[in-house]
Amino acid sequence: MSTEALSRLSEILESGGDVDDLLRAAVAALVADPSIVWAGIRFLEEGELVLGPSAGEPDETRRLTAPIAYRDGTVGELVVDGDADAAFLERVAGLIAPYVLLGWDTGGEAWEP
């Protein structure tokens, strides 16, 4: 995983549009890298992690996860199957965090990605 992949993800997220579409495009971009065979985003809903957008073919024997945090609170989890490194996953989780927050009601808090 490279800085090129991070740049591609940033471009996707900054392109605007529907949040669901942006997150689907983000997991598709992760799977486009040959080192990742599956990627998904789990939303934290009522204390449970619920799978949202995903792409690729799962291989749980190669699963890695990174928490997705927004303003000191966990809002979800990034999950990939493949050979990504933890630092890369953490950076991706940081990029998508504001968009994952919109997976449910923000409780009246102002939101800006």
N, C-alpha and C. Protein backbone atom coordinates (compact mmCIF):
# COMPACT_ATOMS: atom_id res chain seq x y z
N MET A 1 0.85 -1.17 0.00
CA MET A 1 0.00 0.00 0.00
C MET A 1 0.90 1.23 0.00
N SER A 2 0.50 2.20 -0.76
CA SER A 2 1.40 3.31 -1.01
C SER A 2 0.75 4.66 -0.75
N THR A 3 1.58 5.68 -0.87
CA THR A 3 1.05 7.05 -0.79
C THR A 3 0.13 7.31 -1.98
N GLU A 4 0.37 6.62 -3.09
CA GLU A 4 -0.52 6.74 -4.25
C GLU A 4 -1.93 6.27 -3.89
N ALA A 5 -2.02 5.16 -3.16
CA ALA A 5 -3.32 4.64 -2.74
C ALA A 5 -4.01 5.64 -1.81
N LEU A 6 -3.26 6.25 -0.90
CA LEU A 6 -3.83 7.26 0.00
C LEU A 6 -4.31 8.48 -0.78
N SER A 7 -3.55 8.89 -1.78
CA SER A 7 -3.95 10.02 -2.62
C SER A 7 -5.24 9.70 -3.37
N ARG A 8 -5.33 8.47 -3.88
CA ARG A 8 -6.54 8.05 -4.61
C ARG A 8 -7.75 8.09 -3.68
N LEU A 9 -7.59 7.61 -2.45
CA LEU A 9 -8.69 7.64 -1.48
C LEU A 9 -9.09 9.07 -1.14
N SER A 10 -8.11 9.94 -0.96
CA SER A 10 -8.40 11.35 -0.67
C SER A 10 -9.20 11.98 -1.80
N GLU A 11 -8.81 11.70 -3.04
CA GLU A 11 -9.53 12.24 -4.20
C GLU A 11 -10.98 11.77 -4.22
N ILE A 12 -11.18 10.49 -3.93
CA ILE A 12 -12.53 9.93 -3.90
C ILE A 12 -13.38 10.66 -2.87
N LEU A 13 -12.85 10.77 -1.66
CA LEU A 13 -13.61 11.37 -0.57
C LEU A 13 -13.87 12.86 -0.80
N GLU A 14 -12.92 13.54 -1.40
CA GLU A 14 -13.06 14.98 -1.64
C GLU A 14 -13.92 15.30 -2.85
N SER A 15 -14.27 14.27 -3.64
CA SER A 15 -15.07 14.51 -4.84
C SER A 15 -16.50 14.90 -4.52
N GLY A 16 -16.92 14.66 -3.29
CA GLY A 16 -18.27 15.03 -2.87
C GLY A 16 -19.29 14.02 -3.33
N GLY A 17 -20.53 14.27 -2.98
CA GLY A 17 -21.59 13.36 -3.35
C GLY A 17 -22.15 12.63 -2.15
N ASP A 18 -22.94 11.63 -2.44
CA ASP A 18 -23.60 10.83 -1.42
C ASP A 18 -22.56 10.07 -0.59
N VAL A 19 -22.69 10.12 0.72
CA VAL A 19 -21.72 9.49 1.61
C VAL A 19 -21.64 7.98 1.37
N ASP A 20 -22.79 7.32 1.17
CA ASP A 20 -22.77 5.88 0.91
C ASP A 20 -21.95 5.57 -0.34
N ASP A 21 -22.14 6.37 -1.39
CA ASP A 21 -21.39 6.16 -2.63
C ASP A 21 -19.90 6.38 -2.41
N LEU A 22 -19.55 7.39 -1.62
CA LEU A 22 -18.13 7.66 -1.34
C LEU A 22 -17.49 6.50 -0.59
N LEU A 23 -18.19 5.96 0.40
CA LEU A 23 -17.62 4.85 1.17
C LEU A 23 -17.53 3.58 0.33
N ARG A 24 -18.51 3.35 -0.54
CA ARG A 24 -18.42 2.19 -1.45
C ARG A 24 -17.22 2.34 -2.39
N ALA A 25 -17.02 3.54 -2.90
CA ALA A 25 -15.87 3.79 -3.77
C ALA A 25 -14.56 3.63 -3.01
N ALA A 26 -14.55 4.00 -1.74
CA ALA A 26 -13.33 3.87 -0.94
C ALA A 26 -12.95 2.41 -0.74
N VAL A 27 -13.92 1.54 -0.41
CA VAL A 27 -13.57 0.12 -0.23
C VAL A 27 -13.20 -0.51 -1.56
N ALA A 28 -13.84 -0.09 -2.65
CA ALA A 28 -13.47 -0.60 -3.97
C ALA A 28 -12.04 -0.20 -4.32
N ALA A 29 -11.66 1.02 -3.97
CA ALA A 29 -10.29 1.48 -4.23
C ALA A 29 -9.27 0.67 -3.43
N LEU A 30 -9.62 0.31 -2.21
CA LEU A 30 -8.70 -0.52 -1.41
C LEU A 30 -8.49 -1.87 -2.06
N VAL A 31 -9.58 -2.47 -2.54
CA VAL A 31 -9.50 -3.80 -3.15
C VAL A 31 -8.80 -3.75 -4.51
N ALA A 32 -8.75 -2.59 -5.13
CA ALA A 32 -8.03 -2.46 -6.40
C ALA A 32 -6.54 -2.68 -6.22
N ASP A 33 -6.05 -2.52 -5.00
CA ASP A 33 -4.64 -2.80 -4.72
C ASP A 33 -4.47 -4.32 -4.63
N PRO A 34 -3.50 -4.90 -5.32
CA PRO A 34 -3.34 -6.35 -5.33
C PRO A 34 -3.06 -6.97 -3.96
N SER A 35 -2.63 -6.18 -3.00
CA SER A 35 -2.33 -6.75 -1.68
C SER A 35 -3.57 -6.90 -0.80
N ILE A 36 -4.70 -6.37 -1.23
CA ILE A 36 -5.95 -6.47 -0.46
C ILE A 36 -6.99 -7.19 -1.29
N VAL A 37 -7.57 -8.27 -0.72
CA VAL A 37 -8.56 -9.06 -1.46
C VAL A 37 -10.00 -8.73 -1.05
N TRP A 38 -10.18 -8.14 0.13
CA TRP A 38 -11.51 -7.75 0.61
C TRP A 38 -11.36 -6.56 1.54
N ALA A 39 -12.32 -5.65 1.50
CA ALA A 39 -12.33 -4.51 2.42
C ALA A 39 -13.77 -4.21 2.80
N GLY A 40 -13.96 -3.83 4.05
CA GLY A 40 -15.29 -3.48 4.52
C GLY A 40 -15.22 -2.43 5.61
N ILE A 41 -16.34 -1.78 5.81
CA ILE A 41 -16.47 -0.79 6.87
C ILE A 41 -17.62 -1.25 7.76
N ARG A 42 -17.31 -1.34 9.05
CA ARG A 42 -18.34 -1.68 10.03
C ARG A 42 -18.71 -0.40 10.78
N PHE A 43 -20.02 -0.13 10.86
CA PHE A 43 -20.53 1.03 11.60
C PHE A 43 -20.85 0.60 13.02
N LEU A 44 -20.58 1.45 13.98
CA LEU A 44 -20.96 1.19 15.36
C LEU A 44 -22.37 1.72 15.56
N GLU A 45 -23.31 0.80 15.74
CA GLU A 45 -24.71 1.16 15.92
C GLU A 45 -25.24 0.49 17.17
N GLU A 46 -25.65 1.32 18.13
CA GLU A 46 -26.18 0.83 19.40
C GLU A 46 -25.25 -0.18 20.05
N GLY A 47 -23.96 0.11 20.02
CA GLY A 47 -22.97 -0.73 20.68
C GLY A 47 -22.53 -1.95 19.89
N GLU A 48 -23.07 -2.15 18.71
CA GLU A 48 -22.73 -3.31 17.88
C GLU A 48 -22.06 -2.84 16.59
N LEU A 49 -21.08 -3.61 16.12
CA LEU A 49 -20.47 -3.34 14.82
C LEU A 49 -21.29 -4.01 13.73
N VAL A 50 -21.76 -3.20 12.78
CA VAL A 50 -22.62 -3.69 11.71
C VAL A 50 -21.92 -3.43 10.38
N LEU A 51 -21.79 -4.48 9.57
CA LEU A 51 -21.10 -4.35 8.28
C LEU A 51 -21.88 -3.45 7.34
N GLY A 52 -21.17 -2.48 6.79
CA GLY A 52 -21.72 -1.58 5.78
C GLY A 52 -21.10 -1.92 4.43
N PRO A 53 -20.60 -0.92 3.72
CA PRO A 53 -20.03 -1.16 2.39
C PRO A 53 -18.84 -2.12 2.45
N SER A 54 -18.78 -3.00 1.47
CA SER A 54 -17.64 -3.92 1.36
C SER A 54 -17.41 -4.24 -0.11
N ALA A 55 -16.21 -4.73 -0.40
CA ALA A 55 -15.86 -5.08 -1.78
C ALA A 55 -14.84 -6.21 -1.75
N GLY A 56 -14.83 -7.03 -2.79
CA GLY A 56 -13.86 -8.10 -2.92
C GLY A 56 -14.39 -9.42 -2.37
N GLU A 57 -13.47 -10.38 -2.27
CA GLU A 57 -13.79 -11.72 -1.77
C GLU A 57 -13.12 -11.92 -0.42
N PRO A 58 -13.90 -12.19 0.64
CA PRO A 58 -13.32 -12.34 1.97
C PRO A 58 -12.32 -13.49 2.08
N ASP A 59 -11.29 -13.27 2.88
CA ASP A 59 -10.31 -14.30 3.26
C ASP A 59 -9.95 -14.03 4.71
N GLU A 60 -10.80 -14.50 5.62
CA GLU A 60 -10.66 -14.18 7.04
C GLU A 60 -9.34 -14.63 7.65
N THR A 61 -8.62 -15.50 6.98
CA THR A 61 -7.32 -15.94 7.51
C THR A 61 -6.29 -14.82 7.41
N ARG A 62 -6.58 -13.78 6.64
CA ARG A 62 -5.65 -12.66 6.45
C ARG A 62 -6.29 -11.34 6.89
N ARG A 63 -7.15 -11.39 7.90
CA ARG A 63 -7.94 -10.23 8.31
C ARG A 63 -7.17 -9.30 9.24
N LEU A 64 -7.28 -8.00 8.95
CA LEU A 64 -6.72 -6.94 9.78
C LEU A 64 -7.81 -5.91 10.03
N THR A 65 -7.79 -5.30 11.20
CA THR A 65 -8.79 -4.28 11.50
C THR A 65 -8.13 -3.03 12.08
N ALA A 66 -8.82 -1.92 11.92
CA ALA A 66 -8.38 -0.66 12.52
C ALA A 66 -9.63 0.09 12.98
N PRO A 67 -9.61 0.59 14.20
CA PRO A 67 -10.77 1.36 14.66
C PRO A 67 -10.90 2.66 13.88
N ILE A 68 -12.14 3.08 13.69
CA ILE A 68 -12.41 4.36 13.05
C ILE A 68 -12.94 5.29 14.15
N ALA A 69 -12.17 6.33 14.45
CA ALA A 69 -12.53 7.25 15.53
C ALA A 69 -12.81 8.64 14.98
N TYR A 70 -13.77 9.31 15.62
CA TYR A 70 -14.09 10.69 15.27
C TYR A 70 -14.30 11.45 16.57
N ARG A 71 -13.52 12.52 16.76
CA ARG A 71 -13.61 13.34 17.98
C ARG A 71 -13.55 12.48 19.24
N ASP A 72 -12.55 11.67 19.34
CA ASP A 72 -12.29 10.84 20.52
C ASP A 72 -13.31 9.75 20.78
N GLY A 73 -14.18 9.47 19.85
CA GLY A 73 -15.14 8.38 20.02
C GLY A 73 -15.05 7.42 18.84
N THR A 74 -15.19 6.15 19.11
CA THR A 74 -15.18 5.15 18.04
C THR A 74 -16.52 5.17 17.31
N VAL A 75 -16.46 5.27 15.98
CA VAL A 75 -17.68 5.29 15.16
C VAL A 75 -17.77 4.08 14.25
N GLY A 76 -16.71 3.28 14.19
CA GLY A 76 -16.73 2.11 13.33
C GLY A 76 -15.40 1.40 13.31
N GLU A 77 -15.26 0.53 12.32
CA GLU A 77 -14.04 -0.27 12.18
C GLU A 77 -13.78 -0.52 10.70
N LEU A 78 -12.54 -0.32 10.29
CA LEU A 78 -12.11 -0.66 8.94
C LEU A 78 -11.56 -2.07 8.98
N VAL A 79 -12.01 -2.91 8.06
CA VAL A 79 -11.60 -4.31 8.03
C VAL A 79 -11.06 -4.61 6.64
N VAL A 80 -9.88 -5.22 6.57
CA VAL A 80 -9.34 -5.66 5.28
C VAL A 80 -8.79 -7.06 5.42
N ASP A 81 -8.90 -7.81 4.34
CA ASP A 81 -8.27 -9.12 4.24
C ASP A 81 -7.16 -8.98 3.21
N GLY A 82 -5.95 -9.26 3.63
CA GLY A 82 -4.81 -9.13 2.71
C GLY A 82 -3.54 -8.79 3.45
N ASP A 83 -2.65 -8.14 2.75
CA ASP A 83 -1.31 -7.85 3.28
C ASP A 83 -1.06 -6.36 3.44
N ALA A 84 -1.99 -5.65 4.04
CA ALA A 84 -1.80 -4.22 4.31
C ALA A 84 -1.09 -4.07 5.64
N ASP A 85 -0.40 -2.96 5.82
CA ASP A 85 0.24 -2.77 7.13
C ASP A 85 -0.64 -1.90 8.02
N ALA A 86 -0.46 -2.06 9.32
CA ALA A 86 -1.30 -1.40 10.32
C ALA A 86 -1.27 0.12 10.19
N ALA A 87 -0.11 0.69 9.93
CA ALA A 87 0.00 2.15 9.81
C ALA A 87 -0.85 2.66 8.64
N PHE A 88 -0.84 1.94 7.52
CA PHE A 88 -1.65 2.33 6.37
C PHE A 88 -3.13 2.28 6.74
N LEU A 89 -3.56 1.19 7.39
CA LEU A 89 -4.97 1.07 7.77
C LEU A 89 -5.40 2.19 8.70
N GLU A 90 -4.54 2.56 9.63
CA GLU A 90 -4.86 3.65 10.55
C GLU A 90 -5.04 4.97 9.79
N ARG A 91 -4.20 5.20 8.80
CA ARG A 91 -4.33 6.43 8.00
C ARG A 91 -5.62 6.43 7.20
N VAL A 92 -5.96 5.28 6.61
CA VAL A 92 -7.22 5.17 5.87
C VAL A 92 -8.40 5.39 6.81
N ALA A 93 -8.36 4.77 7.98
CA ALA A 93 -9.43 4.93 8.96
C ALA A 93 -9.61 6.40 9.32
N GLY A 94 -8.52 7.13 9.45
CA GLY A 94 -8.59 8.56 9.74
C GLY A 94 -9.23 9.36 8.61
N LEU A 95 -8.92 8.97 7.37
CA LEU A 95 -9.49 9.67 6.21
C LEU A 95 -11.01 9.47 6.11
N ILE A 96 -11.46 8.26 6.39
CA ILE A 96 -12.89 7.97 6.21
C ILE A 96 -13.74 8.27 7.44
N ALA A 97 -13.12 8.54 8.57
CA ALA A 97 -13.85 8.73 9.83
C ALA A 97 -15.01 9.73 9.74
N PRO A 98 -14.81 10.92 9.19
CA PRO A 98 -15.94 11.86 9.16
C PRO A 98 -17.11 11.37 8.32
N TYR A 99 -16.85 10.53 7.34
CA TYR A 99 -17.90 10.01 6.47
C TYR A 99 -18.61 8.83 7.13
N VAL A 100 -17.88 8.04 7.90
CA VAL A 100 -18.47 6.93 8.63
C VAL A 100 -19.42 7.47 9.69
N LEU A 101 -19.08 8.60 10.28
CA LEU A 101 -19.94 9.23 11.28
C LEU A 101 -21.35 9.44 10.75
N LEU A 102 -21.48 9.71 9.47
CA LEU A 102 -22.80 9.96 8.89
C LEU A 102 -23.61 8.68 8.69
N GLY A 103 -23.08 7.54 9.10
CA GLY A 103 -23.82 6.29 8.98
C GLY A 103 -25.03 6.24 9.89
N TRP A 104 -25.16 7.20 10.79
CA TRP A 104 -26.31 7.29 11.68
C TRP A 104 -26.46 8.72 12.15
N ASP A 105 -27.43 8.96 12.99
CA ASP A 105 -27.71 10.30 13.52
C ASP A 105 -26.52 10.83 14.32
N THR A 106 -26.15 12.06 14.08
CA THR A 106 -25.01 12.66 14.79
C THR A 106 -25.42 13.24 16.14
N GLY A 107 -26.66 13.04 16.54
CA GLY A 107 -27.11 13.52 17.84
C GLY A 107 -27.17 15.03 17.93
N GLY A 108 -27.38 15.70 16.81
CA GLY A 108 -27.49 17.14 16.81
C GLY A 108 -26.17 17.88 16.74
N GLU A 109 -25.04 17.14 16.73
CA GLU A 109 -23.74 17.80 16.63
C GLU A 109 -23.52 18.32 15.22
N ALA A 110 -22.90 19.48 15.14
CA ALA A 110 -22.52 20.01 13.83
C ALA A 110 -21.51 19.07 13.19
N TRP A 111 -21.59 18.92 11.87
CA TRP A 111 -20.68 18.00 11.18
C TRP A 111 -20.05 18.70 10.00
N GLU A 112 -18.75 18.57 9.89
CA GLU A 112 -18.00 19.01 8.71
C GLU A 112 -16.91 17.99 8.46
N PRO A 113 -16.84 17.41 7.26
CA PRO A 113 -15.77 16.43 6.99
C PRO A 113 -14.41 17.07 6.95
